[in-house]
Structures are given as C-alpha cells and as structure tokens.
Amino acid sequence: MKKICFLTDSIFSIGGVQRVTAVEAMAHGLPVISSDLPTSQEIMGDFGMYFSNGDVNGIARCMTEATKIDWQEKSRQALEISHRFNIETIANAWHEII
C-alpha cells in the first residue's frame, strides 16, 4: 500500500509559524504539500509541493503531482531534510557555536 503525502496549512491558514508538523511528516518519509509561505519554503526548499494560500486548484495540482512522484526517492529526500532538524544535529550545531 502506498503511503500518503502530508498536507499542511489549510487554505484558510494565515500567519507563518515554524512548520514542525511538516518536519515530523518528513521524519516519517512522507512527501509534503504545503502553502508557499516563506517558513515552509525555508524548511523544505525544492522538496515541497507548494500551493498559494487559498488556491484550491493549486492544492488539486499538488495532489495530482503527488500521485506521479518517485515515492522511494521522495521518501529518501524527506528523511534527509528532516535529519537537519533532529535534536542531535541541532545540539551538535549549538555545541560548535558555544
């Protein structure tokens, strides 16, 4: 059975809080569909499948795109990105700064 992708930020979302839920989804190897807020783009870069906030057709386009991706490769990328936000990675970065 195929995994599902993770859709974050409803079409009614406003404001830009850190996308912890997107990182959690990527830690499980899931592709992420997200609104194109700067915080989402900063975390996911080219990995994310983005729609403009409030754009229902954009969400549909992303969902269609998600059915055509190379799931194994996208899952590998998701895990790689999420590793940047792993507590050990962050602690090591802070240790080097301090």
PDB file of N, CA and C in Angstrom:
ATOM      1  N   MET A   1       0.838  -1.175   0.000  1.00  0.00           N
ATOM      2  CA  MET A   1       0.000   0.000   0.000  1.00  0.00           C
ATOM      3  C   MET A   1       0.886   1.242   0.000  1.00  0.00           C
ATOM      4  N   LYS A   2       0.539   2.239  -0.807  1.00  0.00           N
ATOM      5  CA  LYS A   2       1.301   3.466  -0.875  1.00  0.00           C
ATOM      6  C   LYS A   2       1.077   4.319   0.363  1.00  0.00           C
ATOM      7  N   LYS A   3       2.131   5.016   0.749  1.00  0.00           N
ATOM      8  CA  LYS A   3       1.994   5.997   1.821  1.00  0.00           C
ATOM      9  C   LYS A   3       1.237   7.189   1.257  1.00  0.00           C
ATOM     10  N   ILE A   4       0.639   7.943   2.126  1.00  0.00           N
ATOM     11  CA  ILE A   4       0.010   9.175   1.683  1.00  0.00           C
ATOM     12  C   ILE A   4       0.985  10.320   1.888  1.00  0.00           C
ATOM     13  N   CYS A   5       0.757  11.407   1.206  1.00  0.00           N
ATOM     14  CA  CYS A   5       1.579  12.587   1.454  1.00  0.00           C
ATOM     15  C   CYS A   5       0.934  13.376   2.584  1.00  0.00           C
ATOM     16  N   PHE A   6       1.659  14.307   3.109  1.00  0.00           N
ATOM     17  CA  PHE A   6       1.171  15.107   4.217  1.00  0.00           C
ATOM     18  C   PHE A   6       0.809  16.485   3.699  1.00  0.00           C
ATOM     19  N   LEU A   7      -0.395  16.929   3.973  1.00  0.00           N
ATOM     20  CA  LEU A   7      -0.874  18.239   3.544  1.00  0.00           C
ATOM     21  C   LEU A   7      -0.902  19.151   4.761  1.00  0.00           C
ATOM     22  N   THR A   8      -0.159  20.238   4.710  1.00  0.00           N
ATOM     23  CA  THR A   8      -0.112  21.171   5.820  1.00  0.00           C
ATOM     24  C   THR A   8      -0.637  22.519   5.380  1.00  0.00           C
ATOM     25  N   ASP A   9      -1.123  23.279   6.308  1.00  0.00           N
ATOM     26  CA  ASP A   9      -1.670  24.618   6.071  1.00  0.00           C
ATOM     27  C   ASP A   9      -2.972  24.571   5.286  1.00  0.00           C
ATOM     28  N   SER A  10      -4.040  24.706   5.975  1.00  0.00           N
ATOM     29  CA  SER A  10      -5.322  24.713   5.283  1.00  0.00           C
ATOM     30  C   SER A  10      -5.406  25.935   4.384  1.00  0.00           C
ATOM     31  N   ILE A  11      -6.340  25.929   3.482  1.00  0.00           N
ATOM     32  CA  ILE A  11      -6.464  27.057   2.556  1.00  0.00           C
ATOM     33  C   ILE A  11      -6.886  28.326   3.289  1.00  0.00           C
ATOM     34  N   PHE A  12      -7.252  28.197   4.541  1.00  0.00           N
ATOM     35  CA  PHE A  12      -7.650  29.369   5.319  1.00  0.00           C
ATOM     36  C   PHE A  12      -6.559  29.804   6.297  1.00  0.00           C
ATOM     37  N   SER A  13      -5.384  29.170   6.206  1.00  0.00           N
ATOM     38  CA  SER A  13      -4.290  29.454   7.128  1.00  0.00           C
ATOM     39  C   SER A  13      -3.771  30.880   6.940  1.00  0.00           C
ATOM     40  N   ILE A  14      -3.473  31.539   8.041  1.00  0.00           N
ATOM     41  CA  ILE A  14      -2.822  32.846   7.983  1.00  0.00           C
ATOM     42  C   ILE A  14      -1.663  32.845   8.958  1.00  0.00           C
ATOM     43  N   GLY A  15      -0.656  33.622   8.669  1.00  0.00           N
ATOM     44  CA  GLY A  15       0.498  33.709   9.562  1.00  0.00           C
ATOM     45  C   GLY A  15       1.511  32.637   9.236  1.00  0.00           C
ATOM     46  N   GLY A  16       2.716  32.821   9.751  1.00  0.00           N
ATOM     47  CA  GLY A  16       3.784  31.881   9.442  1.00  0.00           C
ATOM     48  C   GLY A  16       4.477  31.380  10.687  1.00  0.00           C
ATOM     49  N   VAL A  17       4.022  30.285  11.226  1.00  0.00           N
ATOM     50  CA  VAL A  17       4.700  29.676  12.364  1.00  0.00           C
ATOM     51  C   VAL A  17       5.600  28.570  11.831  1.00  0.00           C
ATOM     52  N   GLN A  18       6.611  28.188  12.607  1.00  0.00           N
ATOM     53  CA  GLN A  18       7.516  27.144  12.144  1.00  0.00           C
ATOM     54  C   GLN A  18       6.727  25.889  11.821  1.00  0.00           C
ATOM     55  N   ARG A  19       7.086  25.248  10.759  1.00  0.00           N
ATOM     56  CA  ARG A  19       6.349  24.103  10.244  1.00  0.00           C
ATOM     57  C   ARG A  19       6.822  22.792  10.875  1.00  0.00           C
ATOM     58  N   VAL A  20       6.644  22.675  12.189  1.00  0.00           N
ATOM     59  CA  VAL A  20       7.068  21.480  12.908  1.00  0.00           C
ATOM     60  C   VAL A  20       6.335  20.262  12.368  1.00  0.00           C
ATOM     61  N   THR A  21       5.086  20.397  12.046  1.00  0.00           N
ATOM     62  CA  THR A  21       4.320  19.246  11.547  1.00  0.00           C
ATOM     63  C   THR A  21       4.882  18.747  10.225  1.00  0.00           C
ATOM     64  N   ALA A  22       5.365  19.643   9.390  1.00  0.00           N
ATOM     65  CA  ALA A  22       5.964  19.231   8.121  1.00  0.00           C
ATOM     66  C   ALA A  22       7.249  18.443   8.378  1.00  0.00           C
ATOM     67  N   VAL A  23       8.058  18.910   9.323  1.00  0.00           N
ATOM     68  CA  VAL A  23       9.292  18.200   9.672  1.00  0.00           C
ATOM     69  C   VAL A  23       8.960  16.820  10.229  1.00  0.00           C
ATOM     70  N   GLU A  24       7.936  16.737  11.062  1.00  0.00           N
ATOM     71  CA  GLU A  24       7.518  15.442  11.609  1.00  0.00           C
ATOM     72  C   GLU A  24       7.085  14.497  10.488  1.00  0.00           C
ATOM     73  N   ALA A  25       6.345  15.011   9.525  1.00  0.00           N
ATOM     74  CA  ALA A  25       5.911  14.180   8.399  1.00  0.00           C
ATOM     75  C   ALA A  25       7.119  13.694   7.598  1.00  0.00           C
ATOM     76  N   MET A  26       8.083  14.593   7.352  1.00  0.00           N
ATOM     77  CA  MET A  26       9.272  14.206   6.611  1.00  0.00           C
ATOM     78  C   MET A  26      10.089  13.175   7.383  1.00  0.00           C
ATOM     79  N   ALA A  27      10.094  13.263   8.712  1.00  0.00           N
ATOM     80  CA  ALA A  27      10.811  12.280   9.538  1.00  0.00           C
ATOM     81  C   ALA A  27      10.221  10.884   9.375  1.00  0.00           C
ATOM     82  N   HIS A  28       8.981  10.808   8.892  1.00  0.00           N
ATOM     83  CA  HIS A  28       8.340   9.527   8.609  1.00  0.00           C
ATOM     84  C   HIS A  28       8.447   9.170   7.124  1.00  0.00           C
ATOM     85  N   GLY A  29       9.218   9.978   6.379  1.00  0.00           N
ATOM     86  CA  GLY A  29       9.434   9.701   4.964  1.00  0.00           C
ATOM     87  C   GLY A  29       8.304  10.116   4.057  1.00  0.00           C
ATOM     88  N   LEU A  30       7.456  11.019   4.528  1.00  0.00           N
ATOM     89  CA  LEU A  30       6.306  11.435   3.713  1.00  0.00           C
ATOM     90  C   LEU A  30       6.609  12.685   2.898  1.00  0.00           C
ATOM     91  N   PRO A  31       6.185  12.718   1.644  1.00  0.00           N
ATOM     92  CA  PRO A  31       6.227  13.949   0.869  1.00  0.00           C
ATOM     93  C   PRO A  31       5.268  14.962   1.494  1.00  0.00           C
ATOM     94  N   VAL A  32       5.534  16.239   1.296  1.00  0.00           N
ATOM     95  CA  VAL A  32       4.719  17.270   1.934  1.00  0.00           C
ATOM     96  C   VAL A  32       4.161  18.238   0.901  1.00  0.00           C
ATOM     97  N   ILE A  33       2.856  18.472   1.000  1.00  0.00           N
ATOM     98  CA  ILE A  33       2.178  19.520   0.237  1.00  0.00           C
ATOM     99  C   ILE A  33       1.910  20.643   1.220  1.00  0.00           C
ATOM    100  N   SER A  34       2.322  21.843   0.860  1.00  0.00           N
ATOM    101  CA  SER A  34       2.220  22.959   1.801  1.00  0.00           C
ATOM    102  C   SER A  34       1.918  24.257   1.065  1.00  0.00           C
ATOM    103  N   SER A  35       1.324  25.191   1.795  1.00  0.00           N
ATOM    104  CA  SER A  35       1.187  26.531   1.226  1.00  0.00           C
ATOM    105  C   SER A  35       2.580  27.113   1.064  1.00  0.00           C
ATOM    106  N   ASP A  36       2.712  28.064   0.180  1.00  0.00           N
ATOM    107  CA  ASP A  36       4.030  28.591  -0.183  1.00  0.00           C
ATOM    108  C   ASP A  36       4.519  29.707   0.738  1.00  0.00           C
ATOM    109  N   LEU A  37       4.225  29.590   2.002  1.00  0.00           N
ATOM    110  CA  LEU A  37       4.710  30.574   2.974  1.00  0.00           C
ATOM    111  C   LEU A  37       6.228  30.491   3.072  1.00  0.00           C
ATOM    112  N   PRO A  38       6.896  31.617   3.321  1.00  0.00           N
ATOM    113  CA  PRO A  38       8.358  31.628   3.398  1.00  0.00           C
ATOM    114  C   PRO A  38       8.935  30.622   4.395  1.00  0.00           C
ATOM    115  N   THR A  39       8.276  30.421   5.535  1.00  0.00           N
ATOM    116  CA  THR A  39       8.807  29.476   6.517  1.00  0.00           C
ATOM    117  C   THR A  39       8.780  28.046   5.976  1.00  0.00           C
ATOM    118  N   SER A  40       7.753  27.704   5.235  1.00  0.00           N
ATOM    119  CA  SER A  40       7.685  26.371   4.626  1.00  0.00           C
ATOM    120  C   SER A  40       8.789  26.210   3.588  1.00  0.00           C
ATOM    121  N   GLN A  41       8.970  27.225   2.767  1.00  0.00           N
ATOM    122  CA  GLN A  41       9.982  27.165   1.719  1.00  0.00           C
ATOM    123  C   GLN A  41      11.390  27.137   2.309  1.00  0.00           C
ATOM    124  N   GLU A  42      11.592  27.820   3.427  1.00  0.00           N
ATOM    125  CA  GLU A  42      12.899  27.803   4.077  1.00  0.00           C
ATOM    126  C   GLU A  42      13.240  26.402   4.581  1.00  0.00           C
ATOM    127  N   ILE A  43      12.265  25.721   5.133  1.00  0.00           N
ATOM    128  CA  ILE A  43      12.491  24.380   5.676  1.00  0.00           C
ATOM    129  C   ILE A  43      12.623  23.346   4.560  1.00  0.00           C
ATOM    130  N   MET A  44      11.740  23.392   3.568  1.00  0.00           N
ATOM    131  CA  MET A  44      11.677  22.317   2.583  1.00  0.00           C
ATOM    132  C   MET A  44      12.361  22.613   1.263  1.00  0.00           C
ATOM    133  N   GLY A  45      12.595  23.869   0.941  1.00  0.00           N
ATOM    134  CA  GLY A  45      13.237  24.199  -0.330  1.00  0.00           C
ATOM    135  C   GLY A  45      12.497  23.601  -1.510  1.00  0.00           C
ATOM    136  N   ASP A  46      13.261  23.024  -2.435  1.00  0.00           N
ATOM    137  CA  ASP A  46      12.671  22.436  -3.649  1.00  0.00           C
ATOM    138  C   ASP A  46      11.928  21.134  -3.390  1.00  0.00           C
ATOM    139  N   PHE A  47      12.083  20.587  -2.184  1.00  0.00           N
ATOM    140  CA  PHE A  47      11.430  19.318  -1.853  1.00  0.00           C
ATOM    141  C   PHE A  47       9.911  19.438  -1.813  1.00  0.00           C
ATOM    142  N   GLY A  48       9.407  20.517  -1.230  1.00  0.00           N
ATOM    143  CA  GLY A  48       7.968  20.675  -1.017  1.00  0.00           C
ATOM    144  C   GLY A  48       7.187  20.841  -2.304  1.00  0.00           C
ATOM    145  N   MET A  49       5.939  20.444  -2.244  1.00  0.00           N
ATOM    146  CA  MET A  49       4.998  20.705  -3.333  1.00  0.00           C
ATOM    147  C   MET A  49       4.097  21.819  -2.813  1.00  0.00           C
ATOM    148  N   TYR A  50       4.166  22.981  -3.442  1.00  0.00           N
ATOM    149  CA  TYR A  50       3.554  24.186  -2.891  1.00  0.00           C
ATOM    150  C   TYR A  50       2.321  24.648  -3.660  1.00  0.00           C
ATOM    151  N   PHE A  51       1.421  25.252  -2.911  1.00  0.00           N
ATOM    152  CA  PHE A  51       0.263  25.934  -3.486  1.00  0.00           C
ATOM    153  C   PHE A  51       0.153  27.298  -2.823  1.00  0.00           C
ATOM    154  N   SER A  52      -0.468  28.232  -3.513  1.00  0.00           N
ATOM    155  CA  SER A  52      -0.705  29.551  -2.930  1.00  0.00           C
ATOM    156  C   SER A  52      -1.848  29.453  -1.944  1.00  0.00           C
ATOM    157  N   ASN A  53      -1.708  30.120  -0.824  1.00  0.00           N
ATOM    158  CA  ASN A  53      -2.734  30.088   0.206  1.00  0.00           C
ATOM    159  C   ASN A  53      -4.088  30.494  -0.378  1.00  0.00           C
ATOM    160  N   GLY A  54      -5.093  29.669  -0.194  1.00  0.00           N
ATOM    161  CA  GLY A  54      -6.433  29.944  -0.703  1.00  0.00           C
ATOM    162  C   GLY A  54      -6.685  29.410  -2.099  1.00  0.00           C
ATOM    163  N   ASP A  55      -5.679  28.822  -2.742  1.00  0.00           N
ATOM    164  CA  ASP A  55      -5.796  28.344  -4.123  1.00  0.00           C
ATOM    165  C   ASP A  55      -6.189  26.864  -4.151  1.00  0.00           C
ATOM    166  N   VAL A  56      -7.467  26.606  -4.247  1.00  0.00           N
ATOM    167  CA  VAL A  56      -7.974  25.234  -4.252  1.00  0.00           C
ATOM    168  C   VAL A  56      -7.449  24.469  -5.464  1.00  0.00           C
ATOM    169  N   ASN A  57      -7.370  25.119  -6.617  1.00  0.00           N
ATOM    170  CA  ASN A  57      -6.836  24.454  -7.806  1.00  0.00           C
ATOM    171  C   ASN A  57      -5.365  24.107  -7.618  1.00  0.00           C
ATOM    172  N   GLY A  58      -4.648  24.946  -6.893  1.00  0.00           N
ATOM    173  CA  GLY A  58      -3.245  24.673  -6.600  1.00  0.00           C
ATOM    174  C   GLY A  58      -3.081  23.441  -5.731  1.00  0.00           C
ATOM    175  N   ILE A  59      -3.965  23.294  -4.747  1.00  0.00           N
ATOM    176  CA  ILE A  59      -3.930  22.089  -3.903  1.00  0.00           C
ATOM    177  C   ILE A  59      -4.211  20.856  -4.764  1.00  0.00           C
ATOM    178  N   ALA A  60      -5.200  20.960  -5.634  1.00  0.00           N
ATOM    179  CA  ALA A  60      -5.536  19.836  -6.520  1.00  0.00           C
ATOM    180  C   ALA A  60      -4.349  19.483  -7.412  1.00  0.00           C
ATOM    181  N   ARG A  61      -3.658  20.493  -7.933  1.00  0.00           N
ATOM    182  CA  ARG A  61      -2.484  20.266  -8.777  1.00  0.00           C
ATOM    183  C   ARG A  61      -1.409  19.518  -7.990  1.00  0.00           C
ATOM    184  N   CYS A  62      -1.154  19.962  -6.763  1.00  0.00           N
ATOM    185  CA  CYS A  62      -0.149  19.305  -5.916  1.00  0.00           C
ATOM    186  C   CYS A  62      -0.531  17.871  -5.599  1.00  0.00           C
ATOM    187  N   MET A  63      -1.802  17.642  -5.332  1.00  0.00           N
ATOM    188  CA  MET A  63      -2.251  16.282  -5.014  1.00  0.00           C
ATOM    189  C   MET A  63      -2.104  15.371  -6.233  1.00  0.00           C
ATOM    190  N   THR A  64      -2.383  15.903  -7.412  1.00  0.00           N
ATOM    191  CA  THR A  64      -2.188  15.135  -8.640  1.00  0.00           C
ATOM    192  C   THR A  64      -0.711  14.841  -8.841  1.00  0.00           C
ATOM    193  N   GLU A  65       0.128  15.859  -8.623  1.00  0.00           N
ATOM    194  CA  GLU A  65       1.575  15.695  -8.738  1.00  0.00           C
ATOM    195  C   GLU A  65       2.064  14.607  -7.782  1.00  0.00           C
ATOM    196  N   ALA A  66       1.498  14.551  -6.589  1.00  0.00           N
ATOM    197  CA  ALA A  66       1.917  13.568  -5.582  1.00  0.00           C
ATOM    198  C   ALA A  66       1.639  12.141  -6.027  1.00  0.00           C
ATOM    199  N   THR A  67       0.682  11.952  -6.926  1.00  0.00           N
ATOM    200  CA  THR A  67       0.394  10.595  -7.404  1.00  0.00           C
ATOM    201  C   THR A  67       1.394  10.143  -8.461  1.00  0.00           C
ATOM    202  N   LYS A  68       2.227  11.052  -8.951  1.00  0.00           N
ATOM    203  CA  LYS A  68       3.140  10.745 -10.053  1.00  0.00           C
ATOM    204  C   LYS A  68       4.611  10.769  -9.649  1.00  0.00           C
ATOM    205  N   ILE A  69       4.902  11.017  -8.381  1.00  0.00           N
ATOM    206  CA  ILE A  69       6.294  11.141  -7.961  1.00  0.00           C
ATOM    207  C   ILE A  69       6.944   9.777  -7.752  1.00  0.00           C
ATOM    208  N   ASP A  70       8.258   9.780  -7.732  1.00  0.00           N
ATOM    209  CA  ASP A  70       9.032   8.597  -7.365  1.00  0.00           C
ATOM    210  C   ASP A  70       9.018   8.539  -5.838  1.00  0.00           C
ATOM    211  N   TRP A  71       8.151   7.700  -5.288  1.00  0.00           N
ATOM    212  CA  TRP A  71       7.925   7.675  -3.843  1.00  0.00           C
ATOM    213  C   TRP A  71       9.168   7.315  -3.061  1.00  0.00           C
ATOM    214  N   GLN A  72       9.945   6.369  -3.546  1.00  0.00           N
ATOM    215  CA  GLN A  72      11.150   5.981  -2.816  1.00  0.00           C
ATOM    216  C   GLN A  72      12.139   7.134  -2.749  1.00  0.00           C
ATOM    217  N   GLU A  73      12.345   7.816  -3.851  1.00  0.00           N
ATOM    218  CA  GLU A  73      13.273   8.952  -3.877  1.00  0.00           C
ATOM    219  C   GLU A  73      12.754  10.100  -3.015  1.00  0.00           C
ATOM    220  N   LYS A  74      11.472  10.393  -3.119  1.00  0.00           N
ATOM    221  CA  LYS A  74      10.892  11.487  -2.334  1.00  0.00           C
ATOM    222  C   LYS A  74      10.975  11.159  -0.845  1.00  0.00           C
ATOM    223  N   SER A  75      10.769   9.913  -0.495  1.00  0.00           N
ATOM    224  CA  SER A  75      10.865   9.495   0.899  1.00  0.00           C
ATOM    225  C   SER A  75      12.303   9.644   1.401  1.00  0.00           C
ATOM    226  N   ARG A  76      13.270   9.275   0.568  1.00  0.00           N
ATOM    227  CA  ARG A  76      14.679   9.429   0.936  1.00  0.00           C
ATOM    228  C   ARG A  76      15.007  10.909   1.174  1.00  0.00           C
ATOM    229  N   GLN A  77      14.535  11.765   0.289  1.00  0.00           N
ATOM    230  CA  GLN A  77      14.767  13.205   0.435  1.00  0.00           C
ATOM    231  C   GLN A  77      14.117  13.731   1.716  1.00  0.00           C
ATOM    232  N   ALA A  78      12.919  13.262   1.996  1.00  0.00           N
ATOM    233  CA  ALA A  78      12.207  13.705   3.203  1.00  0.00           C
ATOM    234  C   ALA A  78      13.008  13.363   4.455  1.00  0.00           C
ATOM    235  N   LEU A  79      13.500  12.147   4.519  1.00  0.00           N
ATOM    236  CA  LEU A  79      14.285  11.727   5.682  1.00  0.00           C
ATOM    237  C   LEU A  79      15.573  12.534   5.797  1.00  0.00           C
ATOM    238  N   GLU A  80      16.195  12.823   4.673  1.00  0.00           N
ATOM    239  CA  GLU A  80      17.429  13.608   4.666  1.00  0.00           C
ATOM    240  C   GLU A  80      17.187  15.027   5.189  1.00  0.00           C
ATOM    241  N   ILE A  81      16.125  15.651   4.729  1.00  0.00           N
ATOM    242  CA  ILE A  81      15.799  17.012   5.183  1.00  0.00           C
ATOM    243  C   ILE A  81      15.450  17.011   6.659  1.00  0.00           C
ATOM    244  N   SER A  82      14.647  16.049   7.084  1.00  0.00           N
ATOM    245  CA  SER A  82      14.231  16.027   8.490  1.00  0.00           C
ATOM    246  C   SER A  82      15.412  15.833   9.424  1.00  0.00           C
ATOM    247  N   HIS A  83      16.460  15.171   8.952  1.00  0.00           N
ATOM    248  CA  HIS A  83      17.639  14.952   9.787  1.00  0.00           C
ATOM    249  C   HIS A  83      18.280  16.276  10.214  1.00  0.00           C
ATOM    250  N   ARG A  84      18.151  17.307   9.378  1.00  0.00           N
ATOM    251  CA  ARG A  84      18.697  18.632   9.743  1.00  0.00           C
ATOM    252  C   ARG A  84      18.033  19.182  10.992  1.00  0.00           C
ATOM    253  N   PHE A  85      16.831  18.704  11.306  1.00  0.00           N
ATOM    254  CA  PHE A  85      16.080  19.208  12.456  1.00  0.00           C
ATOM    255  C   PHE A  85      16.069  18.214  13.616  1.00  0.00           C
ATOM    256  N   ASN A  86      16.856  17.150  13.498  1.00  0.00           N
ATOM    257  CA  ASN A  86      16.998  16.156  14.551  1.00  0.00           C
ATOM    258  C   ASN A  86      17.649  16.817  15.768  1.00  0.00           C
ATOM    259  N   ILE A  87      17.219  16.452  16.969  1.00  0.00           N
ATOM    260  CA  ILE A  87      17.730  17.077  18.187  1.00  0.00           C
ATOM    261  C   ILE A  87      19.241  16.923  18.311  1.00  0.00           C
ATOM    262  N   GLU A  88      19.776  15.775  17.900  1.00  0.00           N
ATOM    263  CA  GLU A  88      21.226  15.575  17.973  1.00  0.00           C
ATOM    264  C   GLU A  88      21.965  16.501  17.012  1.00  0.00           C
ATOM    265  N   THR A  89      21.430  16.678  15.826  1.00  0.00           N
ATOM    266  CA  THR A  89      22.033  17.573  14.844  1.00  0.00           C
ATOM    267  C   THR A  89      22.022  19.009  15.359  1.00  0.00           C
ATOM    268  N   ILE A  90      20.912  19.420  15.931  1.00  0.00           N
ATOM    269  CA  ILE A  90      20.800  20.778  16.467  1.00  0.00           C
ATOM    270  C   ILE A  90      21.719  20.960  17.664  1.00  0.00           C
ATOM    271  N   ALA A  91      21.766  19.972  18.548  1.00  0.00           N
ATOM    272  CA  ALA A  91      22.640  20.063  19.735  1.00  0.00           C
ATOM    273  C   ALA A  91      24.102  20.149  19.317  1.00  0.00           C
ATOM    274  N   ASN A  92      24.500  19.351  18.325  1.00  0.00           N
ATOM    275  CA  ASN A  92      25.885  19.412  17.843  1.00  0.00           C
ATOM    276  C   ASN A  92      26.210  20.771  17.237  1.00  0.00           C
ATOM    277  N   ALA A  93      25.262  21.345  16.511  1.00  0.00           N
ATOM    278  CA  ALA A  93      25.474  22.670  15.930  1.00  0.00           C
ATOM    279  C   ALA A  93      25.646  23.715  17.035  1.00  0.00           C
ATOM    280  N   TRP A  94      24.828  23.646  18.053  1.00  0.00           N
ATOM    281  CA  TRP A  94      24.953  24.572  19.170  1.00  0.00           C
ATOM    282  C   TRP A  94      26.267  24.365  19.921  1.00  0.00           C
ATOM    283  N   HIS A  95      26.677  23.125  20.065  1.00  0.00           N
ATOM    284  CA  HIS A  95      27.927  22.813  20.756  1.00  0.00           C
ATOM    285  C   HIS A  95      29.108  23.466  20.009  1.00  0.00           C
ATOM    286  N   GLU A  96      29.078  23.425  18.676  1.00  0.00           N
ATOM    287  CA  GLU A  96      30.143  24.052  17.895  1.00  0.00           C
ATOM    288  C   GLU A  96      30.136  25.565  18.036  1.00  0.00           C
ATOM    289  N   ILE A  97      28.959  26.152  18.159  1.00  0.00           N
ATOM    290  CA  ILE A  97      28.854  27.607  18.322  1.00  0.00           C
ATOM    291  C   ILE A  97      29.368  28.038  19.685  1.00  0.00           C
ATOM    292  N   ILE A  98      28.993  27.275  20.687  1.00  0.00           N
ATOM    293  CA  ILE A  98      29.360  27.631  22.068  1.00  0.00           C
ATOM    294  C   ILE A  98      30.793  27.249  22.298  1.00  0.00           C
TER     295      ILE A  98
END
